[in-house]
Protein backbone atom coordinates (compact mmCIF):
# COMPACT_ATOMS: atom_id res chain seq x y z
CA UNK A 1 0.00 0.00 0.00
CA UNK A 2 1.14 3.49 -0.81
CA UNK A 3 -1.00 6.55 -0.15
CA UNK A 4 -3.94 4.25 0.72
CA UNK A 5 -3.81 2.56 -2.69
CA UNK A 6 -2.54 -0.84 -3.76
CA UNK A 7 0.86 -0.26 -5.36
CA UNK A 8 1.63 -3.91 -6.16
CA UNK A 9 -0.18 -7.16 -5.60
CA UNK A 10 0.57 -10.84 -5.87
CA UNK A 11 -1.44 -14.00 -5.45
CA UNK A 12 0.78 -16.59 -3.80
CA UNK A 13 -0.21 -20.24 -3.45
CA UNK A 14 1.28 -23.14 -1.58
CA UNK A 15 0.13 -26.67 -0.93
CA UNK A 16 2.00 -26.79 2.37
CA UNK A 17 0.22 -26.54 5.70
CA UNK A 18 0.26 -23.20 7.52
CA UNK A 19 2.95 -23.24 10.20
CA UNK A 20 5.13 -20.46 11.61
CA UNK A 21 8.13 -21.80 9.68
CA UNK A 22 6.22 -22.05 6.40
CA UNK A 23 4.74 -18.59 6.94
CA UNK A 24 8.25 -17.15 7.24
CA UNK A 25 9.39 -18.96 4.09
CA UNK A 26 6.31 -17.81 2.18
CA UNK A 27 6.83 -14.24 3.35
CA UNK A 28 10.44 -14.26 2.13
CA UNK A 29 9.34 -15.62 -1.25
CA UNK A 30 6.54 -13.04 -1.53
CA UNK A 31 8.93 -10.19 -0.72
CA UNK A 32 11.42 -11.50 -3.26
CA UNK A 33 8.73 -11.66 -5.97
CA UNK A 34 7.54 -8.14 -5.12
CA UNK A 35 11.13 -6.86 -4.98
CA UNK A 36 10.49 -5.64 -1.44
CA UNK A 37 12.72 -5.95 1.64
CA UNK A 38 11.94 -8.69 4.14
CA UNK A 39 10.27 -7.48 7.33
CA UNK A 40 11.42 -8.51 10.78
CA UNK A 41 8.97 -11.25 11.66
CA UNK A 42 7.86 -11.60 15.26
CA UNK A 43 5.47 -14.11 16.78
CA UNK A 44 2.63 -11.56 16.87
CA UNK A 45 2.70 -11.24 13.07
CA UNK A 46 2.03 -14.95 12.69
CA UNK A 47 -0.69 -14.86 15.38
CA UNK A 48 -2.43 -12.00 13.55
CA UNK A 49 -2.36 -13.99 10.33
CA UNK A 50 -3.83 -17.07 12.01
CA UNK A 51 -6.50 -15.16 13.96
CA UNK A 52 -7.44 -12.41 11.50
CA UNK A 53 -6.26 -13.88 8.16
CA UNK A 54 -3.97 -10.92 7.52
CA UNK A 55 -0.81 -9.25 8.73
CA UNK A 56 0.20 -5.63 8.25
CA UNK A 57 3.87 -4.72 8.18
CA UNK A 58 4.64 -1.02 8.66
CA UNK A 59 7.91 0.81 8.08
CA UNK A 60 9.10 0.10 11.65
CA UNK A 61 8.85 -3.66 10.90
CA UNK A 62 11.66 -3.33 8.35
CA UNK A 63 15.38 -2.82 8.81
CA UNK A 64 15.65 -1.41 5.30
CA UNK A 65 13.63 1.50 4.00
CA UNK A 66 10.29 0.44 2.57
CA UNK A 67 9.14 2.21 -0.61
CA UNK A 68 5.52 1.80 0.51
CA UNK A 69 3.44 2.78 3.52
CA UNK A 70 2.84 -0.84 4.48
CA UNK A 71 2.96 -4.41 3.27
CA UNK A 72 -0.25 -6.36 3.82
CA UNK A 73 -0.36 -10.14 3.66
CA UNK A 74 -3.91 -11.54 3.41
CA UNK A 75 -5.27 -15.06 3.32
CA UNK A 76 -7.57 -15.09 0.30
CA UNK A 77 -9.47 -18.34 0.35
CA UNK A 78 -11.02 -19.38 -2.95
PDB file of N, CA and C in Angstrom:
ATOM      1  N   UNK A   1       0.845  -1.181   0.000  1.00  0.00           N
ATOM      2  CA  UNK A   1       0.000   0.000   0.000  1.00  0.00           C
ATOM      3  C   UNK A   1       0.888   1.241   0.000  1.00  0.00           C
ATOM      4  N   UNK A   2       0.464   2.206  -0.798  1.00  0.00           N
ATOM      5  CA  UNK A   2       1.142   3.493  -0.812  1.00  0.00           C
ATOM      6  C   UNK A   2       0.074   4.558  -1.015  1.00  0.00           C
ATOM      7  N   UNK A   3       0.019   5.498  -0.111  1.00  0.00           N
ATOM      8  CA  UNK A   3      -1.003   6.554  -0.147  1.00  0.00           C
ATOM      9  C   UNK A   3      -2.411   5.951  -0.204  1.00  0.00           C
ATOM     10  N   UNK A   4      -2.650   4.936   0.603  1.00  0.00           N
ATOM     11  CA  UNK A   4      -3.943   4.246   0.717  1.00  0.00           C
ATOM     12  C   UNK A   4      -4.403   3.573  -0.578  1.00  0.00           C
ATOM     13  N   UNK A   5      -3.485   3.265  -1.459  1.00  0.00           N
ATOM     14  CA  UNK A   5      -3.806   2.557  -2.694  1.00  0.00           C
ATOM     15  C   UNK A   5      -2.885   1.353  -2.834  1.00  0.00           C
ATOM     16  N   UNK A   6      -3.362   0.335  -3.517  1.00  0.00           N
ATOM     17  CA  UNK A   6      -2.540  -0.843  -3.762  1.00  0.00           C
ATOM     18  C   UNK A   6      -1.496  -0.497  -4.813  1.00  0.00           C
ATOM     19  N   UNK A   7      -0.231  -0.575  -4.444  1.00  0.00           N
ATOM     20  CA  UNK A   7       0.863  -0.262  -5.359  1.00  0.00           C
ATOM     21  C   UNK A   7       1.267  -1.487  -6.166  1.00  0.00           C
ATOM     22  N   UNK A   8       1.309  -2.640  -5.518  1.00  0.00           N
ATOM     23  CA  UNK A   8       1.628  -3.909  -6.162  1.00  0.00           C
ATOM     24  C   UNK A   8       0.798  -4.980  -5.487  1.00  0.00           C
ATOM     25  N   UNK A   9       0.500  -6.033  -6.230  1.00  0.00           N
ATOM     26  CA  UNK A   9      -0.176  -7.161  -5.600  1.00  0.00           C
ATOM     27  C   UNK A   9       0.331  -8.457  -6.204  1.00  0.00           C
ATOM     28  N   UNK A  10       0.091  -9.521  -5.482  1.00  0.00           N
ATOM     29  CA  UNK A  10       0.573 -10.836  -5.872  1.00  0.00           C
ATOM     30  C   UNK A  10      -0.324 -11.875  -5.231  1.00  0.00           C
ATOM     31  N   UNK A  11      -0.713 -12.861  -6.005  1.00  0.00           N
ATOM     32  CA  UNK A  11      -1.438 -14.001  -5.447  1.00  0.00           C
ATOM     33  C   UNK A  11      -0.429 -15.132  -5.334  1.00  0.00           C
ATOM     34  N   UNK A  12      -0.225 -15.574  -4.106  1.00  0.00           N
ATOM     35  CA  UNK A  12       0.776 -16.594  -3.802  1.00  0.00           C
ATOM     36  C   UNK A  12       0.050 -17.842  -3.327  1.00  0.00           C
ATOM     37  N   UNK A  13       0.411 -18.984  -3.867  1.00  0.00           N
ATOM     38  CA  UNK A  13      -0.208 -20.236  -3.452  1.00  0.00           C
ATOM     39  C   UNK A  13       0.848 -21.224  -2.987  1.00  0.00           C
ATOM     40  N   UNK A  14       0.420 -22.073  -2.075  1.00  0.00           N
ATOM     41  CA  UNK A  14       1.282 -23.137  -1.577  1.00  0.00           C
ATOM     42  C   UNK A  14       0.400 -24.293  -1.126  1.00  0.00           C
ATOM     43  N   UNK A  15       0.874 -25.483  -1.367  1.00  0.00           N
ATOM     44  CA  UNK A  15       0.126 -26.665  -0.934  1.00  0.00           C
ATOM     45  C   UNK A  15       0.533 -27.108   0.469  1.00  0.00           C
ATOM     46  N   UNK A  16       1.522 -26.437   1.042  1.00  0.00           N
ATOM     47  CA  UNK A  16       1.996 -26.791   2.371  1.00  0.00           C
ATOM     48  C   UNK A  16       1.054 -26.250   3.438  1.00  0.00           C
ATOM     49  N   UNK A  17       1.051 -26.933   4.568  1.00  0.00           N
ATOM     50  CA  UNK A  17       0.219 -26.537   5.705  1.00  0.00           C
ATOM     51  C   UNK A  17       0.770 -25.267   6.345  1.00  0.00           C
ATOM     52  N   UNK A  18      -0.137 -24.435   6.857  1.00  0.00           N
ATOM     53  CA  UNK A  18       0.263 -23.204   7.518  1.00  0.00           C
ATOM     54  C   UNK A  18       0.928 -23.513   8.860  1.00  0.00           C
ATOM     55  N   UNK A  19       2.188 -23.164   8.954  1.00  0.00           N
ATOM     56  CA  UNK A  19       2.952 -23.239  10.198  1.00  0.00           C
ATOM     57  C   UNK A  19       3.772 -21.952  10.284  1.00  0.00           C
ATOM     58  N   UNK A  20       4.315 -21.669  11.440  1.00  0.00           N
ATOM     59  CA  UNK A  20       5.131 -20.463  11.606  1.00  0.00           C
ATOM     60  C   UNK A  20       6.349 -20.506  10.678  1.00  0.00           C
ATOM     61  N   UNK A  21       6.965 -21.665  10.547  1.00  0.00           N
ATOM     62  CA  UNK A  21       8.130 -21.802   9.679  1.00  0.00           C
ATOM     63  C   UNK A  21       7.751 -21.590   8.221  1.00  0.00           C
ATOM     64  N   UNK A  22       6.660 -22.222   7.785  1.00  0.00           N
ATOM     65  CA  UNK A  22       6.220 -22.047   6.402  1.00  0.00           C
ATOM     66  C   UNK A  22       5.804 -20.609   6.135  1.00  0.00           C
ATOM     67  N   UNK A  23       5.158 -19.977   7.093  1.00  0.00           N
ATOM     68  CA  UNK A  23       4.744 -18.586   6.941  1.00  0.00           C
ATOM     69  C   UNK A  23       5.964 -17.702   6.686  1.00  0.00           C
ATOM     70  N   UNK A  24       7.030 -17.937   7.436  1.00  0.00           N
ATOM     71  CA  UNK A  24       8.251 -17.155   7.244  1.00  0.00           C
ATOM     72  C   UNK A  24       8.843 -17.400   5.859  1.00  0.00           C
ATOM     73  N   UNK A  25       8.864 -18.644   5.426  1.00  0.00           N
ATOM     74  CA  UNK A  25       9.389 -18.963   4.091  1.00  0.00           C
ATOM     75  C   UNK A  25       8.529 -18.337   2.995  1.00  0.00           C
ATOM     76  N   UNK A  26       7.217 -18.415   3.163  1.00  0.00           N
ATOM     77  CA  UNK A  26       6.307 -17.814   2.181  1.00  0.00           C
ATOM     78  C   UNK A  26       6.508 -16.304   2.128  1.00  0.00           C
ATOM     79  N   UNK A  27       6.645 -15.684   3.290  1.00  0.00           N
ATOM     80  CA  UNK A  27       6.827 -14.238   3.345  1.00  0.00           C
ATOM     81  C   UNK A  27       8.107 -13.822   2.628  1.00  0.00           C
ATOM     82  N   UNK A  28       9.174 -14.556   2.833  1.00  0.00           N
ATOM     83  CA  UNK A  28      10.436 -14.263   2.135  1.00  0.00           C
ATOM     84  C   UNK A  28      10.260 -14.367   0.628  1.00  0.00           C
ATOM     85  N   UNK A  29       9.570 -15.420   0.182  1.00  0.00           N
ATOM     86  CA  UNK A  29       9.342 -15.617  -1.248  1.00  0.00           C
ATOM     87  C   UNK A  29       8.462 -14.504  -1.823  1.00  0.00           C
ATOM     88  N   UNK A  30       7.428 -14.131  -1.090  1.00  0.00           N
ATOM     89  CA  UNK A  30       6.543 -13.045  -1.533  1.00  0.00           C
ATOM     90  C   UNK A  30       7.327 -11.745  -1.660  1.00  0.00           C
ATOM     91  N   UNK A  31       8.134 -11.422  -0.671  1.00  0.00           N
ATOM     92  CA  UNK A  31       8.927 -10.192  -0.722  1.00  0.00           C
ATOM     93  C   UNK A  31       9.913 -10.221  -1.886  1.00  0.00           C
ATOM     94  N   UNK A  32      10.501 -11.374  -2.128  1.00  0.00           N
ATOM     95  CA  UNK A  32      11.420 -11.503  -3.265  1.00  0.00           C
ATOM     96  C   UNK A  32      10.683 -11.247  -4.574  1.00  0.00           C
ATOM     97  N   UNK A  33       9.497 -11.842  -4.732  1.00  0.00           N
ATOM     98  CA  UNK A  33       8.733 -11.665  -5.968  1.00  0.00           C
ATOM     99  C   UNK A  33       8.248 -10.229  -6.141  1.00  0.00           C
ATOM    100  N   UNK A  34       7.980  -9.534  -5.043  1.00  0.00           N
ATOM    101  CA  UNK A  34       7.538  -8.141  -5.120  1.00  0.00           C
ATOM    102  C   UNK A  34       8.709  -7.154  -5.133  1.00  0.00           C
ATOM    103  N   UNK A  35       9.929  -7.688  -5.054  1.00  0.00           N
ATOM    104  CA  UNK A  35      11.133  -6.860  -4.983  1.00  0.00           C
ATOM    105  C   UNK A  35      11.040  -5.884  -3.806  1.00  0.00           C
ATOM    106  N   UNK A  36      10.626  -6.422  -2.672  1.00  0.00           N
ATOM    107  CA  UNK A  36      10.490  -5.642  -1.439  1.00  0.00           C
ATOM    108  C   UNK A  36      11.431  -6.232  -0.389  1.00  0.00           C
ATOM    109  N   UNK A  37      11.881  -5.407   0.555  1.00  0.00           N
ATOM    110  CA  UNK A  37      12.720  -5.951   1.636  1.00  0.00           C
ATOM    111  C   UNK A  37      11.904  -6.871   2.544  1.00  0.00           C
ATOM    112  N   UNK A  38      12.598  -7.778   3.204  1.00  0.00           N
ATOM    113  CA  UNK A  38      11.939  -8.686   4.144  1.00  0.00           C
ATOM    114  C   UNK A  38      11.712  -7.973   5.476  1.00  0.00           C
ATOM    115  N   UNK A  39      10.511  -8.076   6.013  1.00  0.00           N
ATOM    116  CA  UNK A  39      10.267  -7.476   7.334  1.00  0.00           C
ATOM    117  C   UNK A  39      10.850  -8.347   8.441  1.00  0.00           C
ATOM    118  N   UNK A  40      11.034  -7.754   9.594  1.00  0.00           N
ATOM    119  CA  UNK A  40      11.420  -8.515  10.778  1.00  0.00           C
ATOM    120  C   UNK A  40      10.142  -9.184  11.271  1.00  0.00           C
ATOM    121  N   UNK A  41      10.159 -10.484  11.298  1.00  0.00           N
ATOM    122  CA  UNK A  41       8.967 -11.252  11.659  1.00  0.00           C
ATOM    123  C   UNK A  41       9.012 -11.619  13.138  1.00  0.00           C
ATOM    124  N   UNK A  42       7.983 -11.223  13.857  1.00  0.00           N
ATOM    125  CA  UNK A  42       7.861 -11.595  15.260  1.00  0.00           C
ATOM    126  C   UNK A  42       6.637 -12.494  15.417  1.00  0.00           C
ATOM    127  N   UNK A  43       6.537 -13.150  16.533  1.00  0.00           N
ATOM    128  CA  UNK A  43       5.468 -14.110  16.780  1.00  0.00           C
ATOM    129  C   UNK A  43       4.073 -13.490  16.610  1.00  0.00           C
ATOM    130  N   UNK A  44       3.928 -12.233  16.976  1.00  0.00           N
ATOM    131  CA  UNK A  44       2.631 -11.561  16.870  1.00  0.00           C
ATOM    132  C   UNK A  44       2.156 -11.446  15.425  1.00  0.00           C
ATOM    133  N   UNK A  45       3.082 -11.296  14.489  1.00  0.00           N
ATOM    134  CA  UNK A  45       2.697 -11.239  13.071  1.00  0.00           C
ATOM    135  C   UNK A  45       2.023 -12.541  12.649  1.00  0.00           C
ATOM    136  N   UNK A  46       2.610 -13.655  13.034  1.00  0.00           N
ATOM    137  CA  UNK A  46       2.031 -14.953  12.689  1.00  0.00           C
ATOM    138  C   UNK A  46       0.678 -15.133  13.381  1.00  0.00           C
ATOM    139  N   UNK A  47       0.588 -14.743  14.651  1.00  0.00           N
ATOM    140  CA  UNK A  47      -0.687 -14.856  15.378  1.00  0.00           C
ATOM    141  C   UNK A  47      -1.780 -14.026  14.712  1.00  0.00           C
ATOM    142  N   UNK A  48      -1.452 -12.830  14.259  1.00  0.00           N
ATOM    143  CA  UNK A  48      -2.427 -11.998  13.555  1.00  0.00           C
ATOM    144  C   UNK A  48      -2.903 -12.679  12.276  1.00  0.00           C
ATOM    145  N   UNK A  49      -1.986 -13.301  11.563  1.00  0.00           N
ATOM    146  CA  UNK A  49      -2.362 -13.986  10.331  1.00  0.00           C
ATOM    147  C   UNK A  49      -3.299 -15.155  10.620  1.00  0.00           C
ATOM    148  N   UNK A  50      -2.998 -15.923  11.650  1.00  0.00           N
ATOM    149  CA  UNK A  50      -3.834 -17.068  12.013  1.00  0.00           C
ATOM    150  C   UNK A  50      -5.211 -16.610  12.497  1.00  0.00           C
ATOM    151  N   UNK A  51      -5.238 -15.604  13.353  1.00  0.00           N
ATOM    152  CA  UNK A  51      -6.497 -15.162  13.957  1.00  0.00           C
ATOM    153  C   UNK A  51      -7.353 -14.270  13.060  1.00  0.00           C
ATOM    154  N   UNK A  52      -6.697 -13.401  12.278  1.00  0.00           N
ATOM    155  CA  UNK A  52      -7.441 -12.406  11.501  1.00  0.00           C
ATOM    156  C   UNK A  52      -7.276 -12.569   9.990  1.00  0.00           C
ATOM    157  N   UNK A  53      -6.498 -13.562   9.582  1.00  0.00           N
ATOM    158  CA  UNK A  53      -6.258 -13.880   8.164  1.00  0.00           C
ATOM    159  C   UNK A  53      -5.553 -12.752   7.425  1.00  0.00           C
ATOM    160  N   UNK A  54      -4.821 -11.916   8.159  1.00  0.00           N
ATOM    161  CA  UNK A  54      -3.969 -10.918   7.519  1.00  0.00           C
ATOM    162  C   UNK A  54      -2.910 -10.437   8.501  1.00  0.00           C
ATOM    163  N   UNK A  55      -1.871  -9.869   7.938  1.00  0.00           N
ATOM    164  CA  UNK A  55      -0.810  -9.249   8.730  1.00  0.00           C
ATOM    165  C   UNK A  55      -0.420  -7.959   8.029  1.00  0.00           C
ATOM    166  N   UNK A  56      -0.221  -6.914   8.798  1.00  0.00           N
ATOM    167  CA  UNK A  56       0.199  -5.628   8.247  1.00  0.00           C
ATOM    168  C   UNK A  56       1.601  -5.317   8.770  1.00  0.00           C
ATOM    169  N   UNK A  57       2.497  -5.091   7.842  1.00  0.00           N
ATOM    170  CA  UNK A  57       3.867  -4.718   8.184  1.00  0.00           C
ATOM    171  C   UNK A  57       4.055  -3.248   7.845  1.00  0.00           C
ATOM    172  N   UNK A  58       4.410  -2.452   8.845  1.00  0.00           N
ATOM    173  CA  UNK A  58       4.643  -1.021   8.656  1.00  0.00           C
ATOM    174  C   UNK A  58       6.150  -0.760   8.564  1.00  0.00           C
ATOM    175  N   UNK A  59       6.506   0.449   8.276  1.00  0.00           N
ATOM    176  CA  UNK A  59       7.912   0.806   8.085  1.00  0.00           C
ATOM    177  C   UNK A  59       8.784   0.369   9.260  1.00  0.00           C
ATOM    178  N   UNK A  60       8.279   0.472  10.491  1.00  0.00           N
ATOM    179  CA  UNK A  60       9.100   0.096  11.646  1.00  0.00           C
ATOM    180  C   UNK A  60       9.291  -1.410  11.780  1.00  0.00           C
ATOM    181  N   UNK A  61       8.635  -2.212  10.928  1.00  0.00           N
ATOM    182  CA  UNK A  61       8.845  -3.663  10.904  1.00  0.00           C
ATOM    183  C   UNK A  61       9.978  -4.061   9.961  1.00  0.00           C
ATOM    184  N   UNK A  62      10.597  -3.085   9.311  1.00  0.00           N
ATOM    185  CA  UNK A  62      11.665  -3.335   8.345  1.00  0.00           C
ATOM    186  C   UNK A  62      12.961  -2.706   8.818  1.00  0.00           C
ATOM    187  N   UNK A  63      14.065  -3.382   8.541  1.00  0.00           N
ATOM    188  CA  UNK A  63      15.381  -2.818   8.813  1.00  0.00           C
ATOM    189  C   UNK A  63      15.723  -1.843   7.693  1.00  0.00           C
ATOM    190  N   UNK A  64      15.416  -2.257   6.463  1.00  0.00           N
ATOM    191  CA  UNK A  64      15.652  -1.409   5.302  1.00  0.00           C
ATOM    192  C   UNK A  64      14.477  -0.448   5.109  1.00  0.00           C
ATOM    193  N   UNK A  65      14.696   0.554   4.297  1.00  0.00           N
ATOM    194  CA  UNK A  65      13.633   1.500   4.001  1.00  0.00           C
ATOM    195  C   UNK A  65      12.627   0.858   3.053  1.00  0.00           C
ATOM    196  N   UNK A  66      11.369   0.983   3.384  1.00  0.00           N
ATOM    197  CA  UNK A  66      10.291   0.443   2.568  1.00  0.00           C
ATOM    198  C   UNK A  66       9.793   1.549   1.640  1.00  0.00           C
ATOM    199  N   UNK A  67       9.607   1.220   0.367  1.00  0.00           N
ATOM    200  CA  UNK A  67       9.137   2.206  -0.612  1.00  0.00           C
ATOM    201  C   UNK A  67       7.635   2.450  -0.511  1.00  0.00           C
ATOM    202  N   UNK A  68       6.971   1.731   0.378  1.00  0.00           N
ATOM    203  CA  UNK A  68       5.521   1.805   0.506  1.00  0.00           C
ATOM    204  C   UNK A  68       5.171   2.215   1.937  1.00  0.00           C
ATOM    205  N   UNK A  69       3.889   2.462   2.170  1.00  0.00           N
ATOM    206  CA  UNK A  69       3.437   2.780   3.517  1.00  0.00           C
ATOM    207  C   UNK A  69       3.343   1.530   4.373  1.00  0.00           C
ATOM    208  N   UNK A  70       2.917   0.429   3.759  1.00  0.00           N
ATOM    209  CA  UNK A  70       2.839  -0.838   4.480  1.00  0.00           C
ATOM    210  C   UNK A  70       2.751  -2.003   3.506  1.00  0.00           C
ATOM    211  N   UNK A  71       3.091  -3.166   4.006  1.00  0.00           N
ATOM    212  CA  UNK A  71       2.964  -4.411   3.269  1.00  0.00           C
ATOM    213  C   UNK A  71       1.884  -5.216   3.980  1.00  0.00           C
ATOM    214  N   UNK A  72       0.860  -5.608   3.239  1.00  0.00           N
ATOM    215  CA  UNK A  72      -0.248  -6.359   3.816  1.00  0.00           C
ATOM    216  C   UNK A  72      -0.259  -7.758   3.212  1.00  0.00           C
ATOM    217  N   UNK A  73      -0.261  -8.755   4.076  1.00  0.00           N
ATOM    218  CA  UNK A  73      -0.363 -10.142   3.657  1.00  0.00           C
ATOM    219  C   UNK A  73      -1.751 -10.628   4.079  1.00  0.00           C
ATOM    220  N   UNK A  74      -2.547 -11.081   3.116  1.00  0.00           N
ATOM    221  CA  UNK A  74      -3.907 -11.540   3.411  1.00  0.00           C
ATOM    222  C   UNK A  74      -4.093 -12.978   2.951  1.00  0.00           C
ATOM    223  N   UNK A  75      -4.881 -13.706   3.691  1.00  0.00           N
ATOM    224  CA  UNK A  75      -5.268 -15.058   3.320  1.00  0.00           C
ATOM    225  C   UNK A  75      -6.554 -14.944   2.479  1.00  0.00           C
ATOM    226  N   UNK A  76      -6.434 -15.201   1.214  1.00  0.00           N
ATOM    227  CA  UNK A  76      -7.572 -15.086   0.296  1.00  0.00           C
ATOM    228  C   UNK A  76      -8.022 -16.497  -0.091  1.00  0.00           C
ATOM    229  N   UNK A  77      -8.939 -17.014   0.648  1.00  0.00           N
ATOM    230  CA  UNK A  77      -9.469 -18.339   0.352  1.00  0.00           C
ATOM    231  C   UNK A  77     -10.308 -18.277  -0.911  1.00  0.00           C
ATOM    232  N   UNK A  78     -10.249 -19.343  -1.689  1.00  0.00           N
ATOM    233  CA  UNK A  78     -11.025 -19.384  -2.946  1.00  0.00           C
ATOM    234  C   UNK A  78     -12.478 -19.593  -2.657  1.00  0.00           C
TER     235      UNK A  78
END
